[in-house]
């Protein structure tokens, strides 16, 4: 492999474990036979970015200023495109994109494209309350003719408990148990689920409880590799 075509900048810290997992997935998705064939990454792991879900629900400060500062730091450091390993943060990305001159990979759109390619007609979205409320996944999927199922109130509470459990450092097996009733619920309604929060892929396998799992974090990792190596085109905010 020659010199990478572009340099990825990752705005991390939302949460820190998801950022590390993305880096691992980028390595896993890179067709490399030695150190020198892997792609360089610029990562700013900033866990001080205000909670995105709380901001959307009107319960906390906006994360936009911190997201813009993180994005601009990476741009100044030499990144030629950006990636945000946080689904909920994508609601704010139009405001961030207006403040930088490099493109941002749209993980929501890319995950919806992946669902469409899989031939799925009805999918469940497991995501934070903030992501669900914004409707960003529902919009991206429905415009591709894919029906969307959202957990009911009781099961959405379990999704949030599992997400914040990972952020709080729970044993992943304990967080998986919290999610089990949600997967049983979804198995009765859909054939696939989208892991639409970057903590959730750590709790879900490629197929679980009879459900196909579309991993938004792995989709993002693939697009980062493709763009850095100049082997694919990704949807972006510019």
Protein backbone atom coordinates (compact mmCIF):
# COMPACT_ATOMS: atom_id res chain seq x y z
CA UNK A 1 0.00 0.00 0.00
CA UNK A 2 1.29 3.48 -0.85
CA UNK A 3 0.87 6.75 0.95
CA UNK A 4 -2.75 7.17 2.18
CA UNK A 5 -4.82 9.46 -0.01
CA UNK A 6 -6.29 11.34 2.96
CA UNK A 7 -5.84 11.76 6.71
CA UNK A 8 -8.75 10.95 9.01
CA UNK A 9 -9.53 13.12 12.02
CA UNK A 10 -11.66 11.41 14.68
CA UNK A 11 -13.63 13.57 17.11
CA UNK A 12 -13.77 11.15 20.04
CA UNK A 13 -14.69 10.98 23.68
CA UNK A 14 -18.43 10.37 23.11
CA UNK A 15 -17.78 8.02 24.88
CA UNK A 16 -14.11 7.16 25.29
CA UNK A 17 -14.61 3.38 25.00
CA UNK A 18 -16.51 3.79 21.73
CA UNK A 19 -13.61 5.86 20.39
CA UNK A 20 -11.11 3.13 21.23
CA UNK A 21 -13.44 0.56 19.65
CA UNK A 22 -13.60 2.60 16.44
CA UNK A 23 -9.81 2.70 16.28
CA UNK A 24 -9.72 -1.07 16.73
CA UNK A 25 -12.30 -1.54 13.97
CA UNK A 26 -10.34 0.74 11.61
CA UNK A 27 -7.31 -1.49 12.14
CA UNK A 28 -9.45 -4.60 11.65
CA UNK A 29 -10.98 -3.24 8.43
CA UNK A 30 -7.63 -2.20 6.91
CA UNK A 31 -6.14 -4.71 4.45
CA UNK A 32 -2.64 -4.46 5.89
CA UNK A 33 0.16 -7.01 6.18
CA UNK A 34 2.53 -4.87 8.28
CA UNK A 35 2.59 -1.70 10.40
CA UNK A 36 3.41 0.52 7.44
CA UNK A 37 0.29 -0.55 5.51
CA UNK A 38 -2.10 0.74 8.17
CA UNK A 39 -3.62 4.20 7.83
CA UNK A 40 -2.61 7.15 10.04
CA UNK A 41 -5.30 8.56 12.34
CA UNK A 42 -5.58 11.85 14.18
CA UNK A 43 -7.73 11.28 17.26
CA UNK A 44 -8.90 13.88 19.74
CA UNK A 45 -10.51 11.99 22.60
CA UNK A 46 -12.47 14.79 24.30
CA UNK A 47 -14.84 13.39 26.95
CA UNK A 48 -15.71 16.93 28.11
CA UNK A 49 -18.15 17.44 25.21
CA UNK A 50 -21.59 17.99 26.83
CA UNK A 51 -24.06 15.10 26.72
CA UNK A 52 -25.78 15.13 23.33
CA UNK A 53 -28.99 13.42 24.43
CA UNK A 54 -29.49 15.78 27.38
CA UNK A 55 -29.01 18.75 25.06
CA UNK A 56 -31.61 17.47 22.59
CA UNK A 57 -34.08 16.80 25.41
CA UNK A 58 -33.54 20.31 26.80
CA UNK A 59 -31.88 18.99 29.96
CA UNK A 60 -28.32 20.18 29.39
CA UNK A 61 -26.04 22.58 27.48
CA UNK A 62 -25.45 22.40 23.75
CA UNK A 63 -22.39 20.41 22.64
CA UNK A 64 -21.94 22.48 19.46
CA UNK A 65 -19.18 24.76 20.73
CA UNK A 66 -17.11 21.81 21.99
CA UNK A 67 -17.76 19.82 18.80
CA UNK A 68 -16.63 22.77 16.67
CA UNK A 69 -13.50 23.30 18.77
CA UNK A 70 -12.61 19.61 18.47
CA UNK A 71 -13.23 19.59 14.72
CA UNK A 72 -11.19 22.74 14.15
CA UNK A 73 -8.31 21.38 16.25
CA UNK A 74 -8.14 18.29 14.04
CA UNK A 75 -8.41 20.34 10.86
CA UNK A 76 -5.52 22.55 11.98
CA UNK A 77 -3.52 19.42 12.81
CA UNK A 78 -3.80 18.29 9.19
CA UNK A 79 -6.91 16.10 8.96
CA UNK A 80 -8.47 16.12 5.48
CA UNK A 81 -11.82 14.70 6.62
CA UNK A 82 -13.59 14.10 9.93
CA UNK A 83 -15.49 11.28 11.59
CA UNK A 84 -17.64 11.46 14.71
CA UNK A 85 -18.12 8.11 16.51
CA UNK A 86 -21.35 9.29 18.13
CA UNK A 87 -24.71 8.82 16.42
CA UNK A 88 -26.50 11.43 18.52
CA UNK A 89 -23.86 14.06 17.73
CA UNK A 90 -24.85 13.83 14.07
CA UNK A 91 -27.94 15.90 14.81
CA UNK A 92 -25.58 18.84 15.42
CA UNK A 93 -23.21 18.19 12.51
CA UNK A 94 -24.70 20.75 10.08
CA UNK A 95 -23.67 23.45 12.59
CA UNK A 96 -20.20 21.92 12.90
CA UNK A 97 -19.78 21.49 9.14
CA UNK A 98 -20.40 25.23 8.67
CA UNK A 99 -17.35 25.97 10.84
CA UNK A 100 -14.77 23.73 9.12
CA UNK A 101 -13.61 23.49 5.53
CA UNK A 102 -13.13 19.70 5.37
CA UNK A 103 -15.86 17.08 4.87
CA UNK A 104 -17.47 15.01 7.61
CA UNK A 105 -18.49 11.40 7.01
CA UNK A 106 -22.22 11.05 7.74
CA UNK A 107 -22.47 7.85 9.78
CA UNK A 108 -26.27 7.93 9.80
CA UNK A 109 -26.53 8.05 6.01
CA UNK A 110 -23.81 5.44 5.58
CA UNK A 111 -25.56 3.06 7.97
CA UNK A 112 -28.87 3.55 6.15
CA UNK A 113 -27.08 2.79 2.86
CA UNK A 114 -25.71 -0.40 4.44
CA UNK A 115 -29.24 -1.43 5.47
CA UNK A 116 -30.50 -0.77 1.95
CA UNK A 117 -27.68 -2.85 0.41
CA UNK A 118 -28.59 -5.71 2.77
CA UNK A 119 -32.07 -5.86 1.27
CA UNK A 120 -33.75 -5.28 4.63
CA UNK A 121 -37.32 -4.00 4.40
CA UNK A 122 -38.05 -3.49 8.10
CA UNK A 123 -35.47 -2.63 10.73
CA UNK A 124 -35.41 -1.80 14.42
CA UNK A 125 -33.37 1.18 15.58
CA UNK A 126 -31.63 0.85 18.93
CA UNK A 127 -30.31 4.28 19.83
CA UNK A 128 -30.22 6.94 22.53
CA UNK A 129 -33.34 8.90 23.43
CA UNK A 130 -31.76 11.90 21.72
CA UNK A 131 -31.15 10.09 18.45
CA UNK A 132 -34.65 8.61 18.49
CA UNK A 133 -36.26 12.00 19.21
CA UNK A 134 -34.45 13.75 16.34
CA UNK A 135 -35.70 11.14 13.86
CA UNK A 136 -32.41 11.21 11.95
CA UNK A 137 -32.36 7.44 11.47
CA UNK A 138 -36.07 7.24 10.70
CA UNK A 139 -35.67 9.86 7.96
CA UNK A 140 -32.56 8.27 6.43
CA UNK A 141 -34.14 4.81 6.36
CA UNK A 142 -37.65 5.75 5.22
CA UNK A 143 -36.37 7.73 2.25
CA UNK A 144 -34.86 4.41 1.12
CA UNK A 145 -38.19 2.59 1.52
CA UNK A 146 -37.21 0.84 4.77
CA UNK A 147 -39.82 0.60 7.54
CA UNK A 148 -38.60 1.54 11.01
CA UNK A 149 -39.48 0.06 14.40
CA UNK A 150 -38.61 1.99 17.58
CA UNK A 151 -38.71 0.30 21.03
CA UNK A 152 -41.70 1.10 23.20
CA UNK A 153 -41.16 3.21 26.32
CA UNK A 154 -40.24 0.31 28.62
CA UNK A 155 -37.72 -1.19 26.23
CA UNK A 156 -36.26 2.21 25.32
CA UNK A 157 -35.49 2.69 29.01
CA UNK A 158 -33.52 -0.58 28.89
CA UNK A 159 -31.62 0.61 25.79
CA UNK A 160 -30.62 3.79 27.63
CA UNK A 161 -29.61 1.85 30.74
CA UNK A 162 -27.36 -0.38 28.62
CA UNK A 163 -25.81 2.61 26.81
CA UNK A 164 -25.04 4.52 29.97
CA UNK A 165 -23.88 1.30 31.61
CA UNK A 166 -21.13 0.98 29.02
CA UNK A 167 -20.22 4.65 29.51
CA UNK A 168 -20.07 4.07 33.27
CA UNK A 169 -17.73 1.11 32.91
CA UNK A 170 -20.17 -1.73 33.66
CA UNK A 171 -18.97 -5.24 32.93
CA UNK A 172 -20.09 -5.71 29.31
CA UNK A 173 -21.83 -8.99 30.20
CA UNK A 174 -24.01 -7.12 32.69
CA UNK A 175 -24.87 -4.51 30.06
CA UNK A 176 -25.70 -7.30 27.58
CA UNK A 177 -28.21 -8.75 30.06
CA UNK A 178 -29.94 -5.38 30.33
CA UNK A 179 -30.38 -5.39 26.55
CA UNK A 180 -31.75 -8.96 26.28
CA UNK A 181 -35.47 -8.08 26.68
CA UNK A 182 -35.12 -5.44 23.96
CA UNK A 183 -33.72 -7.98 21.52
CA UNK A 184 -36.53 -10.44 22.29
CA UNK A 185 -39.03 -7.61 21.72
CA UNK A 186 -37.43 -6.67 18.40
CA UNK A 187 -37.19 -10.28 17.21
CA UNK A 188 -40.98 -10.42 17.22
CA UNK A 189 -41.23 -7.38 14.94
CA UNK A 190 -38.23 -7.09 12.60
CA UNK A 191 -35.48 -9.13 10.94
CA UNK A 192 -32.64 -6.73 11.72
CA UNK A 193 -31.61 -4.00 14.12
CA UNK A 194 -29.28 -1.05 13.76
CA UNK A 195 -26.85 -0.55 16.61
CA UNK A 196 -27.47 3.19 16.41
CA UNK A 197 -25.40 4.22 19.41
CA UNK A 198 -21.66 3.65 19.37
CA UNK A 199 -21.75 1.89 22.75
CA UNK A 200 -24.19 -0.77 21.50
CA UNK A 201 -21.94 -2.64 19.03
CA UNK A 202 -19.86 -3.74 22.01
CA UNK A 203 -22.97 -5.55 23.33
CA UNK A 204 -24.21 -7.06 20.07
CA UNK A 205 -22.83 -9.73 17.76
CA UNK A 206 -23.35 -9.78 13.98
CA UNK A 207 -26.41 -11.95 14.53
CA UNK A 208 -28.14 -12.21 17.88
CA UNK A 209 -31.57 -13.45 18.99
CA UNK A 210 -32.25 -14.24 15.35
CA UNK A 211 -31.63 -10.63 14.35
CA UNK A 212 -29.15 -9.31 11.81
CA UNK A 213 -27.17 -6.51 13.45
CA UNK A 214 -26.03 -3.53 11.40
CA UNK A 215 -23.16 -1.99 13.33
CA UNK A 216 -22.99 1.78 12.78
CA UNK A 217 -19.49 1.92 14.27
CA UNK A 218 -18.13 -0.73 11.91
CA UNK A 219 -19.78 1.02 8.96
CA UNK A 220 -18.00 4.21 9.98
CA UNK A 221 -14.68 2.36 10.31
CA UNK A 222 -15.06 0.96 6.78
CA UNK A 223 -15.78 4.37 5.31
CA UNK A 224 -12.79 5.87 7.10
CA UNK A 225 -10.52 3.21 5.62
CA UNK A 226 -12.02 3.55 2.15
CA UNK A 227 -11.67 7.31 2.13
CA UNK A 228 -8.16 7.30 3.58
CA UNK A 229 -7.03 4.75 1.00
CA UNK A 230 -8.92 6.41 -1.85
CA UNK A 231 -10.93 3.26 -2.59
CA UNK A 232 -14.49 4.49 -2.02
CA UNK A 233 -16.83 7.45 -1.78
CA UNK A 234 -18.76 8.24 1.36
CA UNK A 235 -21.67 10.52 2.11
CA UNK A 236 -20.47 13.66 3.83
CA UNK A 237 -21.71 17.01 5.09
CA UNK A 238 -19.77 18.85 2.37
